[in-house]
Amino acid sequence: MAMEKQMISGEVPVSPFSRLFSMPGLDCFNIVTIGLKHEANPSAFVEGLKNTLETGIGGKKAKWIPTKVKVEDHVVVPDIDPTIENPDQFLEDYTSNMVFSPIDMSKPLWEMHILNMKTSDAESFLVARFHHSLGDGMSLMSLLVACSRKTSDPESLPTLVAPKKSKVTNVLWSLVARVWFIIRLMCNTFVEVFNFLLILCSVRDAATPLMEKPISTLSLNKFIHRVISLDDVKIVKNAMNMTVNDVIVGMVQAGLSRYLSQKYDSETNSKLKRSLENVSLRAVVFFNLRSNKKIEDLAEMMAKRSTSRWGNSIGYVMIPLWMRSENDIFEYIRRAKTIMDRKKISLEPLFSYVLLKLTVEIFGSKGGKQALRNLAMRIFGRSTIILSNVAGPSEEISLFEHQISYFAASISGFPQALIVHITSYVNKVIINLGVDLDVIPDPHHLCDHMVEALQMMKSAAEEKCSADLNV
C-alpha cells in the first residue's frame, strides 16, 4: 500500500511539536479518562484494539501504524478493592500517578488501563496515556471516533458534522467582505506577531498564587475533572450571541479572578497582599492548523494527500487574561471574545509553528534540539497557564461495545503550574485541571470557582432573556 510504504520509508517528516514533545526533560503525554456506563470487559478492548491496528479503520485497508503491535503489552487491568471508600479520589490519584510511572521507550508509546470501579459519574473507566509526539487532541479525538460506533446504530460510524458554509447571495458584497477580511488579517497578524516577539523578550508573568515557583521546578502532579452541563453553556451562548468557546474562556477567566481575589483577600502579610487590578497574566492557547476543522475519519487523516494530517498540526498564541473583580459577569465573556476573535483572524498560530520549524532547520538536528528547548522554555516561561479545548462527538457513541458516559483529557510534561483542558461530549462539558500541588494545593476549590462563575452567567443570561421578553 502506498501509505504504508510512505510511512515505513520515513517519508513523513516529524513535526516541530512532535520533536519538542519528545525531548528529554520535556516528555509530554496526553492523559485521557473515558467513563463508561457499564462494567468494562477487558478482553473486548484487547480484541477491538487488535482489529483496529491490524485490519485498518472505517472499513479501509490502510493500516494505522506499519508495525506489529502486541496489544496485551499495552493494556493493564489492575486489581481494585470493590469496597474502596472514596472511588472518585482513587480515580484522581490513579490518573495522577500514571504521569510518573515509567514507560518503555522501545515500544509504541501508549498504554491503556481498565478500571472496573464505580464513581459518581461512571460505572467503569478506561484511562489511557499517549505520548504527545504521536498526535495532538484532534488526532486522538479522530482515533476515538474511528474506533467507536453509534450507540443507536452499532454498525455505523459516528456521524461527523460538516462545517457550516455561508451562502453567497451577492457577489459584490462577497468581494468587499473578502477584501476587508484580508485587510484585517494582515493588520491583526502584524500586531499580534509583534506582541508575540515582545513577550518572548520580556520577563515572565508576575508572581501570583498561580506562579510561585521557578519554571525549572514546576511539575504537574495532580489531575482532577468535573462534569457540567453543555446546555448551561449554550444558554449563556445564545443570550450573548457568542460561541461556546467564548463562554468557556470567559468562564475560566471569571473563575481564576474569583480564586485569586479570594487568595489576596485572605492574605495577612501586607507585603504580599495585592489587588487584581495589578495582576497581569497570560495563557498559551493551542490552535488547530488543519484546513478542515472538523473531526476527520482516522483513515482519511492518515491518507498521503489529506489536508488534515495525523500528528501534531498545531500552533499556539499567547492571550492576556482578564483578571478583574467585575460586577458584570458578562464582561469576562466580552473580553474573551474580543481577544480570541483577533487571534483567529491572524496568522500568529501559523507563525508560532513556523518559528519552531525554522529553529530546527537552521540549527540542525543536534543544535536544533537545544535551541528548540530554549525557545519552548521562553514561551511557556512567560505565561501562567495553558488553555486548550477539543469538541467531541455530539451523539452518544460506544467504544468496542462499551457505551461512553463522558471523557476527560489533559496533558503532562509542560513547565506550568496550571493546565486547563476542556472537552465536550453530547450534552456534557468536562473541565480537567492539571496542577502542581506545591503551587495550587486546592485544585477542587479552583474548579468550584469556575463552575460557580458559569452558574452566575447562566442566571444572568436567564434574567436577560426574561427582560427582553417583557420589553
Protein backbone atom coordinates (compact mmCIF):
# COMPACT_ATOMS: atom_id res chain seq x y z
CA MET A 1 0.00 0.00 0.00
CA ALA A 2 1.28 3.44 -0.88
CA MET A 3 0.57 4.91 2.50
CA GLU A 4 2.21 2.03 4.32
CA LYS A 5 5.33 2.28 2.13
CA GLN A 6 5.44 6.00 2.72
CA MET A 7 5.36 5.54 6.50
CA ILE A 8 7.88 2.71 6.54
CA SER A 9 10.35 4.54 4.33
CA GLY A 10 10.26 7.52 6.69
CA GLU A 11 8.96 9.98 4.10
CA VAL A 12 6.58 11.57 6.63
CA PRO A 13 8.62 14.23 8.48
CA VAL A 14 8.39 14.61 12.23
CA SER A 15 6.62 17.87 13.02
CA PRO A 16 8.32 20.53 15.18
CA PHE A 17 5.88 19.90 18.00
CA SER A 18 6.48 16.14 17.86
CA ARG A 19 10.20 16.81 18.24
CA LEU A 20 9.52 19.22 21.07
CA PHE A 21 7.24 16.84 22.94
CA SER A 22 9.79 14.01 22.80
CA MET A 23 12.80 15.94 24.08
CA PRO A 24 14.44 14.76 27.35
CA GLY A 25 13.10 16.75 30.27
CA LEU A 26 10.06 17.85 28.27
CA ASP A 27 8.35 14.50 27.68
CA CYS A 28 4.68 15.33 27.19
CA PHE A 29 1.83 12.85 27.48
CA ASN A 30 -1.87 13.04 26.71
CA ILE A 31 -3.85 11.66 29.64
CA VAL A 32 -7.37 10.57 28.67
CA THR A 33 -10.03 9.31 31.09
CA ILE A 34 -13.08 7.69 29.48
CA GLY A 35 -16.04 6.98 31.75
CA LEU A 36 -18.19 4.01 30.72
CA LYS A 37 -21.85 3.39 31.52
CA HIS A 38 -21.38 -0.31 32.29
CA GLU A 39 -18.74 -2.67 33.66
CA ALA A 40 -15.76 -2.95 31.33
CA ASN A 41 -14.83 -6.19 29.59
CA PRO A 42 -11.01 -6.18 29.18
CA SER A 43 -11.00 -8.91 26.52
CA ALA A 44 -13.38 -6.86 24.36
CA PHE A 45 -10.95 -3.93 24.44
CA VAL A 46 -7.98 -6.15 23.61
CA GLU A 47 -9.75 -7.74 20.64
CA GLY A 48 -11.10 -4.40 19.49
CA LEU A 49 -7.64 -2.83 19.55
CA LYS A 50 -6.19 -5.80 17.69
CA ASN A 51 -8.78 -5.45 14.95
CA THR A 52 -8.20 -1.71 14.77
CA LEU A 53 -4.43 -1.95 14.48
CA GLU A 54 -4.31 -4.95 12.18
CA THR A 55 -7.26 -4.53 9.81
CA GLY A 56 -7.47 -0.76 9.48
CA ILE A 57 -10.07 1.86 10.32
CA GLY A 58 -13.52 2.54 8.96
CA GLY A 59 -13.51 -0.48 6.64
CA LYS A 60 -10.48 0.68 4.66
CA LYS A 61 -7.32 -1.35 4.12
CA ALA A 62 -4.85 1.33 5.18
CA LYS A 63 -3.24 0.50 8.49
CA TRP A 64 -2.85 2.92 11.38
CA ILE A 65 0.79 2.01 12.01
CA PRO A 66 3.01 -0.27 9.92
CA THR A 67 4.45 -2.27 12.84
CA LYS A 68 3.09 -5.34 14.56
CA VAL A 69 1.67 -4.36 17.94
CA LYS A 70 1.23 -6.78 20.81
CA VAL A 71 -1.85 -5.20 22.35
CA GLU A 72 -1.61 -7.23 25.55
CA ASP A 73 1.62 -5.39 26.42
CA HIS A 74 -0.23 -2.08 26.38
CA VAL A 75 -3.41 -2.97 28.28
CA VAL A 76 -3.31 -3.05 32.09
CA VAL A 77 -6.12 -4.33 34.30
CA PRO A 78 -5.29 -3.62 37.97
CA ASP A 79 -6.97 -5.36 40.89
CA ILE A 80 -9.18 -2.83 42.68
CA ASP A 81 -10.85 -3.28 46.04
CA PRO A 82 -14.62 -3.17 45.31
CA THR A 83 -15.26 -1.75 48.79
CA ILE A 84 -13.00 1.26 48.33
CA GLU A 85 -14.31 4.18 50.41
CA ASN A 86 -13.74 7.07 48.01
CA PRO A 87 -13.62 5.86 44.39
CA ASP A 88 -13.62 9.42 42.97
CA GLN A 89 -10.47 10.23 44.94
CA PHE A 90 -8.93 6.89 43.94
CA LEU A 91 -9.51 7.69 40.25
CA GLU A 92 -7.82 11.08 40.62
CA ASP A 93 -4.83 9.55 42.41
CA TYR A 94 -4.54 6.70 39.91
CA THR A 95 -4.61 9.08 36.94
CA SER A 96 -2.09 11.40 38.58
CA ASN A 97 0.29 8.54 39.43
CA MET A 98 0.25 7.34 35.82
CA VAL A 99 2.13 10.50 34.85
CA PHE A 100 5.14 9.48 36.89
CA SER A 101 5.15 5.77 36.09
CA PRO A 102 7.91 4.75 33.63
CA ILE A 103 7.06 3.79 30.08
CA ASP A 104 9.10 1.51 27.83
CA MET A 105 10.50 3.77 25.10
CA SER A 106 11.34 0.75 22.91
CA LYS A 107 7.63 0.02 22.33
CA PRO A 108 4.87 2.17 20.83
CA LEU A 109 4.40 4.97 23.36
CA TRP A 110 0.88 4.34 24.61
CA GLU A 111 -0.90 2.32 27.27
CA MET A 112 -4.46 1.76 28.48
CA HIS A 113 -5.63 0.92 32.00
CA ILE A 114 -9.08 -0.60 32.54
CA LEU A 115 -10.58 0.20 35.96
CA ASN A 116 -13.70 -1.67 36.98
CA MET A 117 -14.87 0.68 39.70
CA LYS A 118 -17.96 2.83 40.14
CA THR A 119 -17.79 6.57 40.80
CA SER A 120 -20.37 9.34 40.87
CA ASP A 121 -20.04 9.79 37.08
CA ALA A 122 -19.48 6.32 35.58
CA GLU A 123 -19.57 2.56 36.21
CA SER A 124 -16.05 1.81 34.94
CA PHE A 125 -13.14 3.59 33.30
CA LEU A 126 -10.55 3.44 30.57
CA VAL A 127 -7.52 5.58 31.47
CA ALA A 128 -5.10 5.98 28.57
CA ARG A 129 -1.70 7.59 28.23
CA PHE A 130 -0.34 8.57 24.82
CA HIS A 131 2.98 10.24 24.18
CA HIS A 132 2.20 13.67 22.72
CA SER A 133 4.66 13.11 19.88
CA LEU A 134 2.13 10.60 18.49
CA GLY A 135 -0.54 13.21 17.90
CA ASP A 136 -2.48 16.21 19.15
CA GLY A 137 -6.01 16.41 20.54
CA MET A 138 -7.68 16.34 17.12
CA SER A 139 -5.72 13.23 16.12
CA LEU A 140 -6.65 11.39 19.30
CA MET A 141 -10.27 12.50 19.03
CA SER A 142 -10.31 11.16 15.47
CA LEU A 143 -8.90 7.86 16.72
CA LEU A 144 -11.67 7.66 19.34
CA VAL A 145 -14.35 8.35 16.74
CA ALA A 146 -12.85 5.86 14.29
CA CYS A 147 -12.81 3.12 16.95
CA SER A 148 -16.38 3.90 18.03
CA ARG A 149 -19.86 3.20 16.73
CA LYS A 150 -23.20 4.93 17.18
CA THR A 151 -24.99 3.73 20.28
CA SER A 152 -28.26 3.98 18.35
CA ASP A 153 -26.80 2.00 15.43
CA PRO A 154 -23.91 -0.31 16.48
CA GLU A 155 -22.96 -1.00 12.85
CA SER A 156 -22.45 2.66 11.89
CA LEU A 157 -19.59 5.02 12.49
CA PRO A 158 -20.44 8.26 14.32
CA THR A 159 -21.76 10.94 12.03
CA LEU A 160 -19.36 13.82 11.57
CA VAL A 161 -20.94 17.25 11.45
CA ALA A 162 -19.71 19.18 8.44
CA PRO A 163 -18.64 22.78 8.99
CA LYS A 164 -21.27 25.36 8.14
CA LYS A 165 -20.68 27.27 4.93
CA SER A 166 -22.21 30.65 4.33
CA LYS A 167 -24.15 31.06 1.12
CA VAL A 168 -23.11 33.82 -1.25
CA THR A 169 -26.14 35.95 -2.06
CA ASN A 170 -24.41 38.99 -3.52
CA VAL A 171 -21.19 38.71 -5.50
CA LEU A 172 -20.17 42.33 -4.98
CA TRP A 173 -20.80 42.18 -1.24
CA SER A 174 -18.86 38.90 -1.08
CA LEU A 175 -15.88 40.54 -2.80
CA VAL A 176 -15.94 43.52 -0.44
CA ALA A 177 -16.18 41.19 2.58
CA ARG A 178 -13.23 39.16 1.35
CA VAL A 179 -11.05 42.23 0.80
CA TRP A 180 -11.97 43.52 4.25
CA PHE A 181 -11.09 40.15 5.75
CA ILE A 182 -7.65 40.22 4.11
CA ILE A 183 -7.01 43.73 5.43
CA ARG A 184 -7.99 42.67 8.95
CA LEU A 185 -5.88 39.52 8.65
CA MET A 186 -2.79 41.49 7.67
CA CYS A 187 -3.26 44.16 10.36
CA ASN A 188 -4.01 41.64 13.12
CA THR A 189 -1.07 39.46 12.09
CA PHE A 190 1.34 42.39 12.24
CA VAL A 191 0.12 43.49 15.68
CA GLU A 192 -0.13 40.01 17.20
CA VAL A 193 3.22 38.75 15.89
CA PHE A 194 4.89 41.96 17.11
CA ASN A 195 3.33 41.46 20.56
CA PHE A 196 4.37 37.79 20.50
CA LEU A 197 8.01 38.71 19.89
CA LEU A 198 7.87 41.35 22.61
CA ILE A 199 6.60 38.76 25.07
CA LEU A 200 9.46 36.41 24.16
CA CYS A 201 11.93 39.15 25.06
CA SER A 202 10.12 40.21 28.24
CA VAL A 203 10.05 38.86 31.78
CA ARG A 204 7.67 36.13 32.90
CA ASP A 205 4.26 36.81 34.43
CA ALA A 206 4.28 38.47 37.84
CA ALA A 207 4.29 36.19 40.88
CA THR A 208 0.79 35.17 41.93
CA PRO A 209 -0.64 32.15 43.79
CA LEU A 210 -0.64 30.53 40.32
CA MET A 211 3.07 31.18 39.74
CA GLU A 212 5.13 30.95 42.92
CA LYS A 213 7.90 28.58 41.83
CA PRO A 214 10.78 28.87 39.35
CA ILE A 215 9.76 27.43 35.99
CA SER A 216 12.51 24.79 36.18
CA THR A 217 10.88 23.22 39.24
CA LEU A 218 7.23 23.24 38.07
CA SER A 219 5.68 19.82 37.60
CA LEU A 220 2.05 18.78 37.20
CA ASN A 221 1.32 16.16 39.84
CA LYS A 222 -2.47 16.25 40.28
CA PHE A 223 -5.26 15.86 37.73
CA ILE A 224 -8.92 16.42 38.54
CA HIS A 225 -12.01 16.79 36.38
CA ARG A 226 -15.59 17.98 36.76
CA VAL A 227 -18.59 17.17 34.54
CA ILE A 228 -21.01 20.05 33.92
CA SER A 229 -23.92 20.68 31.55
CA LEU A 230 -23.33 21.84 27.99
CA ASP A 231 -26.90 23.15 28.00
CA ASP A 232 -25.90 25.70 30.67
CA VAL A 233 -23.10 26.90 28.40
CA LYS A 234 -25.50 27.17 25.44
CA ILE A 235 -27.97 29.24 27.47
CA VAL A 236 -25.23 31.83 28.02
CA LYS A 237 -24.03 31.50 24.41
CA ASN A 238 -27.48 32.19 22.98
CA ALA A 239 -28.19 35.07 25.34
CA MET A 240 -24.88 36.76 24.44
CA ASN A 241 -24.95 35.76 20.75
CA MET A 242 -21.44 34.38 21.03
CA THR A 243 -19.71 31.00 20.64
CA VAL A 244 -19.30 28.13 23.07
CA ASN A 245 -15.54 28.82 23.10
CA ASP A 246 -16.17 32.46 24.08
CA VAL A 247 -18.27 31.33 27.04
CA ILE A 248 -15.70 28.70 28.09
CA VAL A 249 -12.78 31.17 28.05
CA GLY A 250 -14.93 33.72 29.87
CA MET A 251 -15.82 31.12 32.50
CA VAL A 252 -12.15 30.29 33.04
CA GLN A 253 -11.21 33.95 33.37
CA ALA A 254 -14.03 34.61 35.83
CA GLY A 255 -13.13 31.53 37.90
CA LEU A 256 -9.45 32.47 38.04
CA SER A 257 -10.32 36.05 39.01
CA ARG A 258 -12.56 34.87 41.85
CA TYR A 259 -9.90 32.41 43.03
CA LEU A 260 -7.10 35.00 43.05
CA SER A 261 -9.32 37.64 44.64
CA GLN A 262 -10.13 35.28 47.49
CA LYS A 263 -6.46 34.42 47.93
CA TYR A 264 -5.47 38.08 48.12
CA ASP A 265 -8.33 38.94 50.50
CA SER A 266 -7.21 36.22 52.92
CA GLU A 267 -3.54 37.26 52.80
CA THR A 268 -2.38 38.61 56.18
CA ASN A 269 1.08 39.71 55.09
CA SER A 270 0.70 43.31 53.85
CA LYS A 271 3.74 42.95 51.57
CA LEU A 272 2.15 40.00 49.75
CA LYS A 273 -1.36 41.41 49.69
CA ARG A 274 -2.20 42.60 46.18
CA SER A 275 -5.13 43.71 44.08
CA LEU A 276 -6.38 42.01 40.94
CA GLU A 277 -6.02 45.34 39.14
CA ASN A 278 -2.24 44.96 39.50
CA VAL A 279 -2.15 41.41 38.14
CA SER A 280 -1.11 40.69 34.55
CA LEU A 281 -1.33 37.07 33.46
CA ARG A 282 -1.02 35.34 30.08
CA ALA A 283 -2.19 31.99 28.78
CA VAL A 284 -0.87 29.82 25.96
CA VAL A 285 -3.74 28.66 23.74
CA PHE A 286 -3.27 25.96 21.10
CA PHE A 287 -4.86 26.27 17.65
CA ASN A 288 -5.62 23.52 15.16
CA LEU A 289 -3.81 24.38 11.90
CA ARG A 290 -5.58 21.85 9.70
CA SER A 291 -7.50 23.39 6.83
CA ASN A 292 -10.51 21.24 7.68
CA LYS A 293 -11.52 21.88 11.29
CA LYS A 294 -13.95 19.02 11.73
CA ILE A 295 -13.02 15.68 13.30
CA GLU A 296 -11.75 13.60 10.41
CA ASP A 297 -12.05 9.89 9.91
CA LEU A 298 -8.72 8.41 11.03
CA ALA A 299 -8.03 6.70 7.72
CA GLU A 300 -8.66 9.96 5.85
CA MET A 301 -6.36 11.89 8.21
CA MET A 302 -3.55 9.43 7.50
CA ALA A 303 -4.03 9.50 3.71
CA LYS A 304 -0.99 10.74 1.84
CA ARG A 305 -2.63 13.81 0.33
CA SER A 306 -5.12 14.57 3.10
CA THR A 307 -5.28 18.21 4.17
CA SER A 308 -5.99 17.01 7.71
CA ARG A 309 -2.93 15.03 8.72
CA TRP A 310 -2.42 12.80 11.73
CA GLY A 311 0.14 14.09 14.21
CA ASN A 312 0.79 17.46 15.83
CA SER A 313 -0.58 20.01 13.40
CA ILE A 314 -0.95 22.81 15.95
CA GLY A 315 0.19 26.34 16.54
CA TYR A 316 -0.17 28.49 19.61
CA VAL A 317 -0.89 32.04 20.67
CA MET A 318 -0.50 34.00 23.87
CA ILE A 319 -3.55 35.76 25.22
CA PRO A 320 -3.77 38.24 28.12
CA LEU A 321 -6.17 37.02 30.81
CA TRP A 322 -8.73 39.47 32.13
CA MET A 323 -8.14 39.33 35.89
CA ARG A 324 -10.59 41.77 37.49
CA SER A 325 -13.41 41.77 40.03
CA GLU A 326 -16.27 42.58 37.67
CA ASN A 327 -19.81 43.35 38.79
CA ASP A 328 -21.00 42.48 35.28
CA ILE A 329 -20.26 38.77 34.93
CA PHE A 330 -20.70 39.03 31.14
CA GLU A 331 -17.64 41.28 30.89
CA TYR A 332 -15.37 38.22 31.15
CA ILE A 333 -17.06 36.76 28.05
CA ARG A 334 -16.88 40.02 26.11
CA ARG A 335 -13.16 40.31 26.84
CA ALA A 336 -12.64 36.69 25.81
CA LYS A 337 -14.48 37.19 22.52
CA THR A 338 -12.55 40.36 21.69
CA ILE A 339 -9.12 38.79 22.13
CA MET A 340 -10.00 35.40 20.60
CA ASP A 341 -11.62 36.94 17.52
CA ARG A 342 -8.46 38.95 16.94
CA LYS A 343 -6.28 35.85 17.33
CA LYS A 344 -8.47 33.81 14.97
CA ILE A 345 -8.20 36.43 12.24
CA SER A 346 -4.42 36.48 12.33
CA LEU A 347 -1.53 34.26 11.31
CA GLU A 348 0.02 34.17 14.78
CA PRO A 349 -0.71 30.42 15.24
CA LEU A 350 0.95 29.64 11.91
CA PHE A 351 3.85 31.97 12.73
CA SER A 352 4.50 30.13 16.01
CA TYR A 353 4.53 26.79 14.20
CA VAL A 354 6.91 28.08 11.50
CA LEU A 355 9.14 29.60 14.18
CA LEU A 356 9.64 26.18 15.79
CA LYS A 357 10.19 24.56 12.40
CA LEU A 358 12.79 27.14 11.32
CA THR A 359 14.58 26.76 14.65
CA VAL A 360 15.14 23.06 13.93
CA GLU A 361 16.13 23.61 10.31
CA ILE A 362 18.53 26.48 10.99
CA PHE A 363 20.39 24.90 13.91
CA GLY A 364 20.40 21.36 12.55
CA SER A 365 19.50 18.09 14.24
CA LYS A 366 21.90 18.46 17.17
CA GLY A 367 21.97 22.17 17.86
CA GLY A 368 18.31 22.40 16.90
CA LYS A 369 17.25 20.31 19.88
CA GLN A 370 18.81 22.66 22.41
CA ALA A 371 17.61 25.74 20.51
CA LEU A 372 14.11 24.27 20.34
CA ARG A 373 14.14 23.55 24.06
CA ASN A 374 15.37 27.06 24.89
CA LEU A 375 12.66 28.59 22.72
CA ALA A 376 9.97 26.43 24.33
CA MET A 377 11.11 27.34 27.84
CA ARG A 378 10.95 31.03 26.95
CA ILE A 379 7.44 30.66 25.52
CA PHE A 380 5.97 28.67 28.40
CA GLY A 381 8.08 30.52 30.95
CA ARG A 382 6.36 33.78 30.01
CA SER A 383 2.85 32.54 30.65
CA THR A 384 0.93 31.33 33.66
CA ILE A 385 -1.40 28.66 32.30
CA ILE A 386 -2.10 26.55 29.23
CA LEU A 387 -5.67 26.63 27.95
CA SER A 388 -6.90 24.04 25.48
CA ASN A 389 -10.23 22.63 24.36
CA VAL A 390 -11.41 19.93 21.96
CA ALA A 391 -15.01 19.40 20.85
CA GLY A 392 -16.12 15.78 20.97
CA PRO A 393 -19.00 13.85 19.34
CA SER A 394 -22.45 15.40 19.61
CA GLU A 395 -24.17 11.99 19.76
CA GLU A 396 -23.72 9.05 22.13
CA ILE A 397 -21.11 6.54 20.99
CA SER A 398 -19.85 3.14 22.12
CA LEU A 399 -16.21 2.07 22.23
CA PHE A 400 -15.80 -1.64 21.48
CA GLU A 401 -19.41 -2.22 22.57
CA HIS A 402 -18.99 -0.13 25.74
CA GLN A 403 -21.29 2.88 25.91
CA ILE A 404 -19.36 6.05 26.82
CA SER A 405 -20.63 8.29 29.60
CA TYR A 406 -18.01 11.04 29.23
CA PHE A 407 -14.33 11.57 28.62
CA ALA A 408 -11.79 13.95 30.10
CA ALA A 409 -8.37 14.85 28.73
CA SER A 410 -5.25 16.66 29.86
CA ILE A 411 -1.55 16.87 29.14
CA SER A 412 1.52 16.48 31.30
CA GLY A 413 5.15 17.48 30.92
CA PHE A 414 4.78 21.24 30.43
CA PRO A 415 6.59 23.53 32.88
CA GLN A 416 3.35 25.14 34.09
CA ALA A 417 1.59 25.15 37.44
CA LEU A 418 -1.86 25.00 35.82
CA ILE A 419 -3.28 23.48 32.65
CA VAL A 420 -6.98 23.88 31.87
CA HIS A 421 -8.32 21.45 29.28
CA ILE A 422 -11.98 21.48 28.24
CA THR A 423 -13.74 18.72 26.28
CA SER A 424 -17.36 18.24 25.27
CA TYR A 425 -19.41 15.11 24.70
CA VAL A 426 -23.11 15.09 23.72
CA ASN A 427 -24.69 17.36 26.36
CA LYS A 428 -21.73 17.48 28.75
CA VAL A 429 -18.71 19.70 29.23
CA ILE A 430 -15.75 18.28 31.14
CA ILE A 431 -13.34 20.62 32.91
CA ASN A 432 -9.95 19.00 33.51
CA LEU A 433 -7.34 20.74 35.64
CA GLY A 434 -3.71 19.67 35.85
CA VAL A 435 -1.89 21.40 38.71
CA ASP A 436 1.32 21.49 40.69
CA LEU A 437 0.09 20.93 44.25
CA ASP A 438 3.01 22.90 45.67
CA VAL A 439 1.59 25.97 43.92
CA ILE A 440 -2.14 25.19 43.84
CA PRO A 441 -2.89 22.93 46.84
CA ASP A 442 -6.66 23.30 46.39
CA PRO A 443 -7.49 22.44 42.75
CA HIS A 444 -11.07 21.45 43.64
CA HIS A 445 -11.63 24.89 45.11
CA LEU A 446 -10.33 26.50 41.91
CA CYS A 447 -12.64 24.29 39.85
CA ASP A 448 -15.56 25.27 42.12
CA HIS A 449 -14.95 28.92 41.28
CA MET A 450 -15.12 28.16 37.53
CA VAL A 451 -18.36 26.20 37.90
CA GLU A 452 -19.87 28.91 40.12
CA ALA A 453 -18.88 31.54 37.55
CA LEU A 454 -20.78 29.62 34.86
CA GLN A 455 -23.85 29.38 37.10
CA MET A 456 -23.70 33.14 37.67
CA MET A 457 -23.51 33.64 33.90
CA LYS A 458 -26.46 31.30 33.38
CA SER A 459 -28.59 33.15 35.95
CA ALA A 460 -27.69 36.50 34.39
CA ALA A 461 -28.49 35.13 30.91
CA GLU A 462 -31.90 33.89 32.03
CA GLU A 463 -32.65 37.26 33.59
CA LYS A 464 -31.56 38.99 30.39
CA CYS A 465 -33.79 36.79 28.24
CA SER A 466 -36.71 37.33 30.61
CA ALA A 467 -36.22 41.09 30.50
CA ASP A 468 -36.04 41.06 26.69
CA LEU A 469 -39.34 39.17 26.52
CA ASN A 470 -41.04 41.69 28.77
CA VAL A 471 -39.95 44.65 26.65
